[in-house]
Amino acid sequence: MTRGGVCKEVIESDPKILRHDVGDKSINITKKSRGNEKHTMPSTNVVYELLECPMCTKLMYPPIHQCPNGHTLCSNCKSKVHNCCPSCDSELGNIRCLALEKVAESLELPCRHGCHDIFPYYNKLKHEQNCRFRPYNCPYAGSKCSVTGDISNLVAHLKNDHNVDMHDGCTFNHRYVKSNPHEVENATWMLTVFNCYGRQFCLHFEAFQLGMAPVYISFLRFIGEDNEAKSFSYSLEVGGYGRKLTWQGVPRSIRDSHQKIRDSQDGLIIPRKLALFFSGGNRKELKLRVIGRIWKEQ
């Protein structure tokens, strides 16, 4: 079996925004030998080509499937072809290519995200899923966005593609207003990004249901890794008519999804009745002022 392309693996991190798995044709692979010596093989090696799925062009991991004529296919693509080999139209069945799986065990590959470690073939994927150099997901919560990238390009993406407000400074005073009763019940405000201490933070504010109780929640996310996020703290305050609610916490990394943070209630939670009381008037429109501050722990 021959195919023209070689497996596309990224060795160095790409500064551009990533929408798909993009390959690098210059990768080398290392084969283990019995005498602890390592021999480098070029990417054009036939073994390397055979480990590339003909449909998605990604490296195949067990179970590697094959048709009666020997054409291989990864398990993800097998579920999409309705049991029909895309190379020869033969019925696939459930034949495993055990020989190719065994060959893969002898290989070592570099991480595609740019760190300098080398991993056994079957450990590489697990490492890449948690590699600190892997791209970040877009933190915009208004709609599901598939864009990924490094910090600088994500910030530019938020500004240019999502029209997110950008502010410099470590203190803020935001006013949230909704006059339509339906909007009061389903309020979600545009994400705001703050540049503070040379880093970026995302401020979220939205309505959601806590059990059967309608509430609003506001929280801060850090555009970076969790260990860096823990070096910062922030406070939020909302109130009116001589009352106020305050919250102090640690910003969560954008490695944690917006929904995960919201559902964990890790932020300032305001019951809707109290929010409408703070808003005054006829208690049918929302007029809240949220005051906040970000600081760095010593």
Foldseek 3Di string as FASTA:
>chain_A
DDDDDFQFFAAEADQAKDQDHGGDQAFWKWFQDPVRDIDIDTRVPPLRRLQQAPPRRHGAAPQWFAAPVGRIHHPVVCVVPVQADPVPRGRGPGHGPVVSNVRQQRMWGHARLHDDDIGRRVCNVVCNVPPQSHWFAQQWDPDHDSITHADVNSVVCCCPVVVAAEEEDFKDKDKDKDQDLVCLQWPWDGWHWYQYPNFIKIWTWTWDQDPPFIKIWIAMATAHDQVVQQQKKKKKKKAAPPDIDMDIDTHHYVVDHPVNCVNVRRGDIGGLQRQLVRQDDPSSIGIMMMIMGMDGHD
